[in-house]
Amino acid sequence: MKALRRIAWLAAVLTAVTLSTVAQAQIRQDVPQDRQPPIYADFGLGFLPHTEDWAVVAFYRSPACVPADFNLLDFFDFTPAFPGGPPRPFFCDLHIEGFVLWRSLDDPFPAQIFLHGTGAAPVWFVRWSELQSAIADDQLTIGELAALPSLLIGSASFFLESIRNSVPEQRGGNEALVASGTLADGRSFQVEITEKFREGEHLFPHVRIEFH
């Protein structure tokens, strides 16, 4: 019950933060109706949420759809699915939805992003020590990630994420994510992440990963 109360509290905070900024933003776009992220997972070089023991990879799209040649550490995949076509991720099932807020569509990134799962967001866990070894060459394919001995595959029935991007000379960026669900082995999991982006570096003041 204590863990569930913590997740409910954090979810309420994320919602309050998002609603407080709606009035400040000029343009709203819904995900995926108006815009989709050319992204497979909330994971990339410099953004590797982990505890001392475990790392977590929260997928926005089905892992089975990630191209075998894509480097997950690149985060974005702008490779066209066919000549002149949209990026490859757009042809993969999306397991999140929500909205983004823009000050101007000319900005490189939205001011804020608010996402929630659609009921079965894929979440993978691997030992941090194994992941460190796997990414030592700055490359990580979905096949390499899936082959790590410690891999635990989960499905998040609850997934909530809020991202506020940085504004140069005004504020740094931050992110908060909470997720819970079940593992393939029948156990449950809970994840809490808070992240700050300062001077080009991702900082993680709080990461909690628990299995029950």
N, C-alpha and C. Protein backbone atom coordinates (compact mmCIF):
# COMPACT_ATOMS: atom_id res chain seq x y z
N MET A 1 0.82 -1.20 0.00
CA MET A 1 0.00 0.00 0.00
C MET A 1 0.86 1.25 0.00
N LYS A 2 1.97 1.23 0.74
CA LYS A 2 2.84 2.39 0.79
C LYS A 2 3.39 2.73 -0.58
N ALA A 3 3.82 1.69 -1.33
CA ALA A 3 4.36 1.93 -2.67
C ALA A 3 3.30 2.48 -3.59
N LEU A 4 2.07 1.95 -3.48
CA LEU A 4 0.98 2.42 -4.33
C LEU A 4 0.65 3.87 -4.01
N ARG A 5 0.70 4.25 -2.75
CA ARG A 5 0.43 5.64 -2.38
C ARG A 5 1.49 6.56 -2.97
N ARG A 6 2.76 6.10 -2.98
CA ARG A 6 3.83 6.91 -3.53
C ARG A 6 3.61 7.14 -5.02
N ILE A 7 3.21 6.08 -5.74
CA ILE A 7 2.96 6.22 -7.17
C ILE A 7 1.78 7.15 -7.42
N ALA A 8 0.71 7.00 -6.64
CA ALA A 8 -0.45 7.87 -6.81
C ALA A 8 -0.09 9.33 -6.54
N TRP A 9 0.73 9.56 -5.51
CA TRP A 9 1.16 10.92 -5.20
C TRP A 9 1.98 11.52 -6.33
N LEU A 10 2.92 10.75 -6.87
CA LEU A 10 3.76 11.25 -7.94
C LEU A 10 2.93 11.49 -9.20
N ALA A 11 1.98 10.63 -9.47
CA ALA A 11 1.11 10.82 -10.62
C ALA A 11 0.33 12.12 -10.49
N ALA A 12 -0.15 12.41 -9.29
CA ALA A 12 -0.89 13.65 -9.07
C ALA A 12 0.00 14.87 -9.28
N VAL A 13 1.25 14.76 -8.84
CA VAL A 13 2.19 15.86 -9.03
C VAL A 13 2.45 16.11 -10.51
N LEU A 14 2.65 15.03 -11.27
CA LEU A 14 2.89 15.18 -12.70
C LEU A 14 1.72 15.85 -13.38
N THR A 15 0.50 15.43 -13.02
CA THR A 15 -0.69 16.02 -13.63
C THR A 15 -0.80 17.50 -13.29
N ALA A 16 -0.53 17.85 -12.04
CA ALA A 16 -0.61 19.24 -11.62
C ALA A 16 0.41 20.11 -12.34
N VAL A 17 1.62 19.60 -12.49
CA VAL A 17 2.66 20.35 -13.19
C VAL A 17 2.26 20.58 -14.63
N THR A 18 1.71 19.55 -15.27
CA THR A 18 1.31 19.68 -16.66
C THR A 18 0.20 20.70 -16.82
N LEU A 19 -0.82 20.61 -15.99
CA LEU A 19 -1.95 21.52 -16.11
C LEU A 19 -1.55 22.96 -15.83
N SER A 20 -0.56 23.16 -14.97
CA SER A 20 -0.14 24.52 -14.65
C SER A 20 0.55 25.20 -15.81
N THR A 21 1.04 24.42 -16.78
CA THR A 21 1.74 25.01 -17.91
C THR A 21 0.89 25.10 -19.16
N VAL A 22 -0.30 24.51 -19.16
CA VAL A 22 -1.14 24.53 -20.35
C VAL A 22 -1.46 25.95 -20.77
N ALA A 23 -1.79 26.80 -19.80
CA ALA A 23 -2.17 28.17 -20.12
C ALA A 23 -1.01 28.95 -20.72
N GLN A 24 0.25 28.56 -20.41
CA GLN A 24 1.40 29.29 -20.89
C GLN A 24 1.75 28.91 -22.32
N ALA A 25 1.35 27.72 -22.77
CA ALA A 25 1.71 27.24 -24.10
C ALA A 25 0.69 27.74 -25.12
N GLN A 26 1.14 27.97 -26.32
CA GLN A 26 0.27 28.51 -27.35
C GLN A 26 -0.31 27.43 -28.25
N ILE A 27 0.40 26.33 -28.41
CA ILE A 27 0.00 25.32 -29.37
C ILE A 27 0.02 23.95 -28.70
N ARG A 28 -1.05 23.22 -28.87
CA ARG A 28 -1.13 21.84 -28.36
C ARG A 28 -1.28 20.89 -29.53
N GLN A 29 -0.54 19.80 -29.48
CA GLN A 29 -0.68 18.72 -30.45
C GLN A 29 -0.83 17.41 -29.72
N ASP A 30 -1.82 16.63 -30.14
CA ASP A 30 -2.07 15.35 -29.51
C ASP A 30 -1.19 14.26 -30.12
N VAL A 31 -0.79 13.32 -29.26
CA VAL A 31 -0.01 12.16 -29.67
C VAL A 31 -0.90 10.92 -29.58
N PRO A 32 -1.09 10.16 -30.66
CA PRO A 32 -0.38 10.25 -31.94
C PRO A 32 -1.15 10.96 -33.05
N GLN A 33 -2.33 11.51 -32.74
CA GLN A 33 -3.18 12.03 -33.81
C GLN A 33 -2.51 13.13 -34.62
N ASP A 34 -1.85 14.07 -33.92
CA ASP A 34 -1.23 15.21 -34.60
C ASP A 34 0.26 15.04 -34.82
N ARG A 35 0.89 14.29 -33.98
CA ARG A 35 2.34 14.15 -34.06
C ARG A 35 2.76 12.85 -33.39
N GLN A 36 3.77 12.20 -33.98
CA GLN A 36 4.34 11.00 -33.38
C GLN A 36 5.83 11.22 -33.16
N PRO A 37 6.38 10.66 -32.09
CA PRO A 37 7.83 10.75 -31.90
C PRO A 37 8.55 9.70 -32.74
N PRO A 38 9.60 10.06 -33.49
CA PRO A 38 10.37 9.06 -34.24
C PRO A 38 11.33 8.32 -33.30
N ILE A 39 10.74 7.70 -32.28
CA ILE A 39 11.49 7.12 -31.17
C ILE A 39 10.91 5.74 -30.86
N TYR A 40 11.77 4.81 -30.50
CA TYR A 40 11.33 3.48 -30.07
C TYR A 40 11.23 3.36 -28.56
N ALA A 41 12.15 4.04 -27.84
CA ALA A 41 12.22 3.87 -26.39
C ALA A 41 12.73 5.14 -25.73
N ASP A 42 12.35 5.34 -24.49
CA ASP A 42 12.84 6.48 -23.71
C ASP A 42 14.20 6.10 -23.13
N PHE A 43 15.20 6.13 -24.01
CA PHE A 43 16.49 5.54 -23.70
C PHE A 43 17.48 6.02 -24.75
N GLY A 44 18.69 6.38 -24.34
CA GLY A 44 19.68 6.82 -25.31
C GLY A 44 21.00 7.15 -24.63
N LEU A 45 22.00 7.44 -25.43
CA LEU A 45 23.32 7.77 -24.90
C LEU A 45 23.21 8.99 -24.00
N GLY A 46 23.63 8.86 -22.74
CA GLY A 46 23.51 9.94 -21.77
C GLY A 46 22.22 9.87 -20.98
N PHE A 47 21.22 9.15 -21.49
CA PHE A 47 19.96 8.97 -20.77
C PHE A 47 19.76 7.49 -20.51
N LEU A 48 20.36 7.02 -19.40
CA LEU A 48 20.34 5.60 -19.04
C LEU A 48 19.90 5.48 -17.58
N PRO A 49 18.62 5.59 -17.30
CA PRO A 49 18.18 5.52 -15.91
C PRO A 49 18.50 4.17 -15.28
N HIS A 50 19.07 4.20 -14.08
CA HIS A 50 19.49 2.95 -13.43
C HIS A 50 19.70 3.17 -11.94
N THR A 51 19.63 2.10 -11.20
CA THR A 51 20.07 2.06 -9.82
C THR A 51 21.46 1.44 -9.81
N GLU A 52 21.98 1.12 -8.64
CA GLU A 52 23.27 0.43 -8.59
C GLU A 52 23.19 -0.97 -9.19
N ASP A 53 22.00 -1.55 -9.19
CA ASP A 53 21.85 -2.93 -9.65
C ASP A 53 21.19 -3.07 -11.01
N TRP A 54 20.14 -2.27 -11.27
CA TRP A 54 19.31 -2.48 -12.45
C TRP A 54 19.19 -1.22 -13.30
N ALA A 55 19.09 -1.44 -14.62
CA ALA A 55 18.76 -0.38 -15.56
C ALA A 55 17.39 -0.69 -16.16
N VAL A 56 16.69 0.36 -16.57
CA VAL A 56 15.34 0.18 -17.11
C VAL A 56 15.25 0.83 -18.49
N VAL A 57 14.57 0.15 -19.40
CA VAL A 57 14.32 0.68 -20.74
C VAL A 57 12.80 0.68 -20.95
N ALA A 58 12.22 1.87 -21.00
CA ALA A 58 10.78 2.00 -21.22
C ALA A 58 10.55 2.22 -22.72
N PHE A 59 9.86 1.29 -23.33
CA PHE A 59 9.62 1.35 -24.78
C PHE A 59 8.32 2.11 -25.07
N TYR A 60 8.39 3.00 -26.05
CA TYR A 60 7.19 3.64 -26.57
C TYR A 60 6.52 2.78 -27.63
N ARG A 61 7.33 1.96 -28.31
CA ARG A 61 6.85 1.13 -29.41
C ARG A 61 7.26 -0.32 -29.16
N SER A 62 6.65 -1.24 -29.88
CA SER A 62 6.91 -2.66 -29.67
C SER A 62 8.38 -2.98 -29.95
N PRO A 63 9.09 -3.59 -29.01
CA PRO A 63 10.50 -3.95 -29.22
C PRO A 63 10.72 -4.82 -30.45
N ALA A 64 9.75 -5.69 -30.76
CA ALA A 64 9.90 -6.58 -31.92
C ALA A 64 9.97 -5.81 -33.23
N CYS A 65 9.55 -4.54 -33.22
CA CYS A 65 9.54 -3.74 -34.44
C CYS A 65 10.81 -2.91 -34.60
N VAL A 66 11.66 -2.88 -33.60
CA VAL A 66 12.89 -2.09 -33.69
C VAL A 66 13.81 -2.72 -34.73
N PRO A 67 14.25 -1.97 -35.74
CA PRO A 67 15.14 -2.54 -36.76
C PRO A 67 16.41 -3.10 -36.15
N ALA A 68 16.85 -4.23 -36.70
CA ALA A 68 18.02 -4.92 -36.16
C ALA A 68 19.28 -4.07 -36.25
N ASP A 69 19.33 -3.13 -37.20
CA ASP A 69 20.53 -2.32 -37.39
C ASP A 69 20.51 -1.00 -36.62
N PHE A 70 19.41 -0.71 -35.92
CA PHE A 70 19.31 0.59 -35.25
C PHE A 70 20.07 0.58 -33.93
N ASN A 71 20.83 1.65 -33.72
CA ASN A 71 21.55 1.84 -32.46
C ASN A 71 20.62 2.53 -31.46
N LEU A 72 20.17 1.80 -30.46
CA LEU A 72 19.23 2.35 -29.48
C LEU A 72 19.78 3.58 -28.76
N LEU A 73 21.10 3.71 -28.70
CA LEU A 73 21.70 4.85 -28.03
C LEU A 73 21.51 6.14 -28.83
N ASP A 74 21.10 6.04 -30.10
CA ASP A 74 20.86 7.23 -30.92
C ASP A 74 19.53 7.90 -30.60
N PHE A 75 18.65 7.22 -29.91
CA PHE A 75 17.35 7.74 -29.47
C PHE A 75 16.40 7.97 -30.65
N PHE A 76 16.68 8.93 -31.53
CA PHE A 76 15.84 9.22 -32.68
C PHE A 76 16.21 8.31 -33.86
N ASP A 77 15.19 7.92 -34.63
CA ASP A 77 15.43 7.20 -35.88
C ASP A 77 14.67 7.92 -36.99
N PHE A 78 15.42 8.72 -37.76
CA PHE A 78 14.82 9.47 -38.87
C PHE A 78 14.97 8.74 -40.20
N THR A 79 15.48 7.53 -40.19
CA THR A 79 15.66 6.77 -41.43
C THR A 79 14.30 6.52 -42.09
N PRO A 80 14.13 6.91 -43.35
CA PRO A 80 12.85 6.69 -44.02
C PRO A 80 12.54 5.20 -44.15
N ALA A 81 11.29 4.85 -43.95
CA ALA A 81 10.87 3.46 -44.12
C ALA A 81 11.00 3.02 -45.57
N PHE A 82 10.89 3.97 -46.49
CA PHE A 82 11.09 3.75 -47.92
C PHE A 82 11.49 5.10 -48.51
N PRO A 83 12.09 5.12 -49.68
CA PRO A 83 12.57 6.40 -50.24
C PRO A 83 11.48 7.47 -50.25
N GLY A 84 11.78 8.58 -49.58
CA GLY A 84 10.82 9.67 -49.52
C GLY A 84 9.71 9.47 -48.52
N GLY A 85 9.74 8.37 -47.79
CA GLY A 85 8.67 8.05 -46.86
C GLY A 85 8.94 8.55 -45.46
N PRO A 86 8.01 8.33 -44.52
CA PRO A 86 8.17 8.75 -43.12
C PRO A 86 9.19 7.87 -42.40
N PRO A 87 9.64 8.31 -41.24
CA PRO A 87 10.63 7.53 -40.47
C PRO A 87 10.12 6.13 -40.11
N ARG A 88 11.05 5.21 -39.99
CA ARG A 88 10.71 3.81 -39.70
C ARG A 88 9.85 3.62 -38.45
N PRO A 89 10.09 4.38 -37.34
CA PRO A 89 9.28 4.14 -36.15
C PRO A 89 7.78 4.30 -36.37
N PHE A 90 7.38 5.12 -37.35
CA PHE A 90 5.96 5.38 -37.55
C PHE A 90 5.18 4.15 -37.97
N PHE A 91 5.89 3.09 -38.37
CA PHE A 91 5.22 1.86 -38.79
C PHE A 91 5.22 0.81 -37.67
N CYS A 92 5.59 1.23 -36.47
CA CYS A 92 5.59 0.34 -35.31
C CYS A 92 4.45 0.71 -34.37
N ASP A 93 3.86 -0.30 -33.75
CA ASP A 93 2.77 -0.04 -32.80
C ASP A 93 3.24 0.89 -31.69
N LEU A 94 2.42 1.89 -31.38
CA LEU A 94 2.73 2.86 -30.34
C LEU A 94 1.96 2.49 -29.08
N HIS A 95 2.67 2.42 -27.95
CA HIS A 95 2.06 2.01 -26.69
C HIS A 95 1.86 3.17 -25.72
N ILE A 96 2.03 4.39 -26.22
CA ILE A 96 1.79 5.58 -25.40
C ILE A 96 0.94 6.57 -26.20
N GLU A 97 0.31 7.49 -25.49
CA GLU A 97 -0.41 8.59 -26.11
C GLU A 97 -0.39 9.77 -25.15
N GLY A 98 -0.84 10.92 -25.61
CA GLY A 98 -0.81 12.11 -24.75
C GLY A 98 -0.84 13.37 -25.58
N PHE A 99 -0.04 14.37 -25.17
CA PHE A 99 0.00 15.61 -25.94
C PHE A 99 1.31 16.33 -25.68
N VAL A 100 1.64 17.23 -26.61
CA VAL A 100 2.82 18.08 -26.48
C VAL A 100 2.37 19.52 -26.58
N LEU A 101 3.10 20.40 -25.89
CA LEU A 101 2.81 21.83 -25.87
C LEU A 101 3.99 22.58 -26.47
N TRP A 102 3.69 23.49 -27.39
CA TRP A 102 4.72 24.26 -28.08
C TRP A 102 4.52 25.75 -27.84
N ARG A 103 5.59 26.47 -27.67
CA ARG A 103 5.52 27.93 -27.72
C ARG A 103 5.41 28.40 -29.16
N SER A 104 6.14 27.68 -30.04
CA SER A 104 6.11 27.95 -31.47
C SER A 104 6.51 26.67 -32.18
N LEU A 105 5.86 26.37 -33.29
CA LEU A 105 6.22 25.17 -34.04
C LEU A 105 7.57 25.31 -34.71
N ASP A 106 8.17 26.50 -34.64
CA ASP A 106 9.53 26.70 -35.15
C ASP A 106 10.58 26.26 -34.13
N ASP A 107 10.15 26.03 -32.88
CA ASP A 107 11.09 25.58 -31.86
C ASP A 107 11.57 24.17 -32.17
N PRO A 108 12.83 23.84 -31.84
CA PRO A 108 13.33 22.50 -32.13
C PRO A 108 12.67 21.41 -31.29
N PHE A 109 12.22 21.77 -30.08
CA PHE A 109 11.58 20.81 -29.19
C PHE A 109 10.36 21.46 -28.54
N PRO A 110 9.34 20.67 -28.22
CA PRO A 110 8.18 21.23 -27.52
C PRO A 110 8.55 21.69 -26.12
N ALA A 111 7.76 22.59 -25.58
CA ALA A 111 8.01 23.08 -24.23
C ALA A 111 7.76 21.99 -23.21
N GLN A 112 6.72 21.18 -23.44
CA GLN A 112 6.38 20.12 -22.50
C GLN A 112 5.72 18.95 -23.21
N ILE A 113 5.93 17.77 -22.65
CA ILE A 113 5.36 16.54 -23.18
C ILE A 113 4.69 15.80 -22.03
N PHE A 114 3.49 15.32 -22.26
CA PHE A 114 2.77 14.54 -21.24
C PHE A 114 2.26 13.27 -21.89
N LEU A 115 2.72 12.12 -21.41
CA LEU A 115 2.40 10.84 -22.03
C LEU A 115 1.85 9.86 -21.00
N HIS A 116 0.97 8.99 -21.44
CA HIS A 116 0.52 7.89 -20.60
C HIS A 116 0.40 6.64 -21.46
N GLY A 117 0.51 5.50 -20.81
CA GLY A 117 0.45 4.25 -21.52
C GLY A 117 -0.96 3.90 -21.96
N THR A 118 -1.05 3.02 -22.94
CA THR A 118 -2.35 2.58 -23.44
C THR A 118 -2.77 1.24 -22.83
N GLY A 119 -2.00 0.77 -21.83
CA GLY A 119 -2.40 -0.43 -21.11
C GLY A 119 -1.39 -1.54 -21.07
N ALA A 120 -0.41 -1.52 -21.98
CA ALA A 120 0.59 -2.60 -22.00
C ALA A 120 1.90 -2.07 -22.58
N ALA A 121 2.45 -1.03 -21.97
CA ALA A 121 3.71 -0.46 -22.45
C ALA A 121 4.87 -1.40 -22.10
N PRO A 122 5.68 -1.78 -23.07
CA PRO A 122 6.80 -2.69 -22.79
C PRO A 122 7.87 -2.00 -21.94
N VAL A 123 8.33 -2.69 -20.91
CA VAL A 123 9.40 -2.18 -20.04
C VAL A 123 10.38 -3.32 -19.80
N TRP A 124 11.64 -3.10 -20.16
CA TRP A 124 12.68 -4.11 -19.99
C TRP A 124 13.66 -3.69 -18.90
N PHE A 125 14.19 -4.69 -18.21
CA PHE A 125 15.17 -4.46 -17.15
C PHE A 125 16.40 -5.34 -17.39
N VAL A 126 17.58 -4.78 -17.18
CA VAL A 126 18.81 -5.55 -17.26
C VAL A 126 19.75 -5.08 -16.16
N ARG A 127 20.66 -5.95 -15.77
CA ARG A 127 21.66 -5.56 -14.78
C ARG A 127 22.49 -4.39 -15.31
N TRP A 128 22.69 -3.39 -14.46
CA TRP A 128 23.43 -2.21 -14.87
C TRP A 128 24.85 -2.56 -15.29
N SER A 129 25.49 -3.49 -14.60
CA SER A 129 26.85 -3.88 -14.95
C SER A 129 26.90 -4.48 -16.35
N GLU A 130 25.89 -5.28 -16.71
CA GLU A 130 25.85 -5.87 -18.04
C GLU A 130 25.64 -4.80 -19.11
N LEU A 131 24.75 -3.86 -18.82
CA LEU A 131 24.48 -2.80 -19.79
C LEU A 131 25.71 -1.93 -20.01
N GLN A 132 26.43 -1.63 -18.93
CA GLN A 132 27.65 -0.83 -19.06
C GLN A 132 28.64 -1.50 -20.01
N SER A 133 28.79 -2.80 -19.88
CA SER A 133 29.70 -3.53 -20.77
C SER A 133 29.20 -3.53 -22.21
N ALA A 134 27.88 -3.65 -22.37
CA ALA A 134 27.30 -3.74 -23.71
C ALA A 134 27.41 -2.43 -24.49
N ILE A 135 27.41 -1.30 -23.77
CA ILE A 135 27.44 0.00 -24.46
C ILE A 135 28.83 0.62 -24.45
N ALA A 136 29.83 -0.13 -24.07
CA ALA A 136 31.19 0.41 -24.00
C ALA A 136 31.66 0.91 -25.36
N ASP A 137 31.11 0.35 -26.44
CA ASP A 137 31.49 0.76 -27.80
C ASP A 137 30.52 1.79 -28.37
N ASP A 138 29.64 2.34 -27.52
CA ASP A 138 28.64 3.34 -27.93
C ASP A 138 27.66 2.78 -28.96
N GLN A 139 27.45 1.47 -28.91
CA GLN A 139 26.50 0.82 -29.80
C GLN A 139 25.65 -0.15 -28.98
N LEU A 140 24.34 -0.17 -29.27
CA LEU A 140 23.47 -1.15 -28.62
C LEU A 140 22.28 -1.40 -29.54
N THR A 141 22.22 -2.59 -30.10
CA THR A 141 21.07 -2.96 -30.93
C THR A 141 20.04 -3.68 -30.07
N ILE A 142 18.85 -3.82 -30.61
CA ILE A 142 17.81 -4.52 -29.87
C ILE A 142 18.21 -5.97 -29.64
N GLY A 143 18.95 -6.55 -30.59
CA GLY A 143 19.41 -7.92 -30.43
C GLY A 143 20.40 -8.06 -29.29
N GLU A 144 21.31 -7.08 -29.16
CA GLU A 144 22.29 -7.12 -28.07
C GLU A 144 21.60 -6.95 -26.73
N LEU A 145 20.62 -6.04 -26.68
CA LEU A 145 19.89 -5.83 -25.43
C LEU A 145 19.12 -7.10 -25.05
N ALA A 146 18.46 -7.71 -26.01
CA ALA A 146 17.65 -8.91 -25.74
C ALA A 146 18.51 -10.09 -25.32
N ALA A 147 19.80 -10.09 -25.70
CA ALA A 147 20.68 -11.22 -25.40
C ALA A 147 21.36 -11.11 -24.04
N LEU A 148 21.20 -10.00 -23.34
CA LEU A 148 21.84 -9.87 -22.03
C LEU A 148 21.25 -10.90 -21.06
N PRO A 149 22.08 -11.61 -20.33
CA PRO A 149 21.62 -12.74 -19.50
C PRO A 149 20.57 -12.36 -18.45
N SER A 150 20.65 -11.14 -17.94
CA SER A 150 19.77 -10.76 -16.84
C SER A 150 18.42 -10.22 -17.29
N LEU A 151 18.15 -10.17 -18.59
CA LEU A 151 16.96 -9.50 -19.12
C LEU A 151 15.67 -9.97 -18.45
N LEU A 152 14.90 -8.99 -17.98
CA LEU A 152 13.55 -9.22 -17.48
C LEU A 152 12.60 -8.40 -18.33
N ILE A 153 11.57 -9.04 -18.87
CA ILE A 153 10.63 -8.36 -19.75
C ILE A 153 9.33 -8.11 -18.99
N GLY A 154 8.88 -6.85 -19.02
CA GLY A 154 7.68 -6.49 -18.31
C GLY A 154 6.68 -5.76 -19.20
N SER A 155 5.45 -5.66 -18.71
CA SER A 155 4.39 -4.93 -19.39
C SER A 155 3.75 -4.00 -18.38
N ALA A 156 3.77 -2.69 -18.66
CA ALA A 156 3.26 -1.70 -17.71
C ALA A 156 1.78 -1.42 -17.95
N SER A 157 0.97 -1.80 -16.99
CA SER A 157 -0.46 -1.46 -17.06
C SER A 157 -0.67 0.00 -16.65
N PHE A 158 0.28 0.55 -15.90
CA PHE A 158 0.24 1.96 -15.52
C PHE A 158 1.55 2.60 -15.98
N PHE A 159 1.44 3.69 -16.75
CA PHE A 159 2.62 4.37 -17.29
C PHE A 159 2.28 5.85 -17.41
N LEU A 160 3.07 6.69 -16.76
CA LEU A 160 2.82 8.13 -16.79
C LEU A 160 4.16 8.85 -16.85
N GLU A 161 4.28 9.78 -17.79
CA GLU A 161 5.54 10.49 -17.99
C GLU A 161 5.29 11.96 -18.29
N SER A 162 6.07 12.81 -17.66
CA SER A 162 6.00 14.24 -17.91
C SER A 162 7.41 14.75 -18.19
N ILE A 163 7.57 15.49 -19.30
CA ILE A 163 8.87 16.03 -19.70
C ILE A 163 8.73 17.53 -19.92
N ARG A 164 9.59 18.30 -19.29
CA ARG A 164 9.66 19.73 -19.55
C ARG A 164 11.04 20.02 -20.11
N ASN A 165 11.09 20.40 -21.37
CA ASN A 165 12.37 20.61 -22.02
C ASN A 165 13.01 21.93 -21.59
N SER A 166 14.32 21.97 -21.70
CA SER A 166 15.07 23.15 -21.28
C SER A 166 14.84 24.31 -22.24
N VAL A 167 14.96 25.53 -21.70
CA VAL A 167 14.90 26.77 -22.49
C VAL A 167 16.21 27.50 -22.25
N PRO A 168 17.03 27.69 -23.27
CA PRO A 168 18.33 28.34 -23.07
C PRO A 168 18.23 29.65 -22.33
N GLU A 169 19.09 29.79 -21.33
CA GLU A 169 19.20 31.00 -20.51
C GLU A 169 17.97 31.28 -19.67
N GLN A 170 17.04 30.30 -19.59
CA GLN A 170 15.86 30.49 -18.76
C GLN A 170 15.70 29.38 -17.72
N ARG A 171 15.77 28.13 -18.17
CA ARG A 171 15.56 27.02 -17.24
C ARG A 171 16.17 25.76 -17.80
N GLY A 172 16.45 24.83 -16.91
CA GLY A 172 16.88 23.51 -17.33
C GLY A 172 15.68 22.61 -17.56
N GLY A 173 15.93 21.47 -18.16
CA GLY A 173 14.86 20.52 -18.41
C GLY A 173 14.71 19.53 -17.27
N ASN A 174 13.58 18.86 -17.22
CA ASN A 174 13.38 17.80 -16.24
C ASN A 174 12.34 16.81 -16.74
N GLU A 175 12.37 15.64 -16.14
CA GLU A 175 11.46 14.57 -16.52
C GLU A 175 11.09 13.76 -15.29
N ALA A 176 9.89 13.26 -15.27
CA ALA A 176 9.46 12.34 -14.22
C ALA A 176 8.66 11.22 -14.88
N LEU A 177 8.89 10.00 -14.44
CA LEU A 177 8.21 8.84 -15.01
C LEU A 177 7.87 7.87 -13.89
N VAL A 178 6.67 7.36 -13.94
CA VAL A 178 6.26 6.29 -13.02
C VAL A 178 5.60 5.18 -13.85
N ALA A 179 5.89 3.94 -13.52
CA ALA A 179 5.32 2.82 -14.24
C ALA A 179 5.20 1.63 -13.30
N SER A 180 4.20 0.82 -13.52
CA SER A 180 4.04 -0.41 -12.75
C SER A 180 3.31 -1.43 -13.61
N GLY A 181 3.60 -2.70 -13.34
CA GLY A 181 2.97 -3.75 -14.12
C GLY A 181 3.48 -5.11 -13.71
N THR A 182 3.51 -6.03 -14.66
CA THR A 182 3.92 -7.40 -14.36
C THR A 182 5.07 -7.83 -15.27
N LEU A 183 5.90 -8.72 -14.73
CA LEU A 183 6.99 -9.32 -15.49
C LEU A 183 6.52 -10.63 -16.12
N ALA A 184 7.28 -11.09 -17.11
CA ALA A 184 6.92 -12.34 -17.78
C ALA A 184 6.95 -13.52 -16.83
N ASP A 185 7.75 -13.42 -15.75
CA ASP A 185 7.83 -14.52 -14.79
C ASP A 185 6.73 -14.48 -13.73
N GLY A 186 5.81 -13.52 -13.85
CA GLY A 186 4.68 -13.44 -12.95
C GLY A 186 4.82 -12.45 -11.82
N ARG A 187 6.03 -11.97 -11.57
CA ARG A 187 6.22 -10.97 -10.53
C ARG A 187 5.73 -9.61 -11.01
N SER A 188 5.60 -8.68 -10.06
CA SER A 188 5.22 -7.32 -10.41
C SER A 188 6.45 -6.42 -10.31
N PHE A 189 6.37 -5.25 -10.95
CA PHE A 189 7.46 -4.28 -10.87
C PHE A 189 6.90 -2.89 -10.66
N GLN A 190 7.73 -2.03 -10.11
CA GLN A 190 7.41 -0.61 -9.95
C GLN A 190 8.66 0.21 -10.27
N VAL A 191 8.45 1.29 -11.00
CA VAL A 191 9.55 2.16 -11.41
C VAL A 191 9.19 3.61 -11.11
N GLU A 192 10.13 4.35 -10.54
CA GLU A 192 10.00 5.79 -10.37
C GLU A 192 11.31 6.43 -10.84
N ILE A 193 11.21 7.44 -11.70
CA ILE A 193 12.40 8.12 -12.20
C ILE A 193 12.16 9.62 -12.18
N THR A 194 13.09 10.37 -11.65
CA THR A 194 13.12 11.82 -11.85
C THR A 194 14.49 12.17 -12.43
N GLU A 195 14.47 13.07 -13.41
CA GLU A 195 15.69 13.41 -14.14
C GLU A 195 15.76 14.91 -14.33
N LYS A 196 16.98 15.45 -14.29
CA LYS A 196 17.23 16.86 -14.59
C LYS A 196 18.27 16.95 -15.69
N PHE A 197 18.08 17.93 -16.59
CA PHE A 197 19.04 18.16 -17.67
C PHE A 197 19.71 19.51 -17.42
N ARG A 198 20.99 19.46 -17.07
CA ARG A 198 21.71 20.67 -16.72
C ARG A 198 23.05 20.70 -17.44
N GLU A 199 23.30 21.79 -18.18
CA GLU A 199 24.57 22.01 -18.87
C GLU A 199 24.97 20.80 -19.72
N GLY A 200 23.99 20.27 -20.44
CA GLY A 200 24.25 19.18 -21.36
C GLY A 200 24.36 17.81 -20.73
N GLU A 201 24.04 17.68 -19.46
CA GLU A 201 24.18 16.41 -18.76
C GLU A 201 22.86 16.00 -18.12
N HIS A 202 22.55 14.70 -18.25
CA HIS A 202 21.36 14.15 -17.60
C HIS A 202 21.72 13.69 -16.19
N LEU A 203 20.99 14.20 -15.21
CA LEU A 203 21.20 13.85 -13.81
C LEU A 203 19.96 13.14 -13.30
N PHE A 204 20.16 12.12 -12.48
CA PHE A 204 19.04 11.33 -11.96
C PHE A 204 19.03 11.39 -10.43
N PRO A 205 18.34 12.38 -9.87
CA PRO A 205 18.30 12.47 -8.40
C PRO A 205 17.52 11.34 -7.74
N HIS A 206 16.65 10.69 -8.50
CA HIS A 206 15.86 9.61 -7.90
C HIS A 206 15.53 8.57 -8.95
N VAL A 207 15.95 7.33 -8.73
CA VAL A 207 15.53 6.20 -9.55
C VAL A 207 15.22 5.05 -8.60
N ARG A 208 14.03 4.52 -8.69
CA ARG A 208 13.62 3.38 -7.87
C ARG A 208 13.09 2.29 -8.77
N ILE A 209 13.66 1.10 -8.65
CA ILE A 209 13.23 -0.07 -9.41
C ILE A 209 13.02 -1.20 -8.41
N GLU A 210 11.81 -1.71 -8.34
CA GLU A 210 11.52 -2.78 -7.38
C GLU A 210 10.73 -3.90 -8.05
N PHE A 211 11.03 -5.12 -7.63
CA PHE A 211 10.32 -6.30 -8.09
C PHE A 211 9.69 -6.99 -6.88
N HIS A 212 8.50 -7.52 -7.07
CA HIS A 212 7.78 -8.19 -5.96
C HIS A 212 7.20 -9.52 -6.42
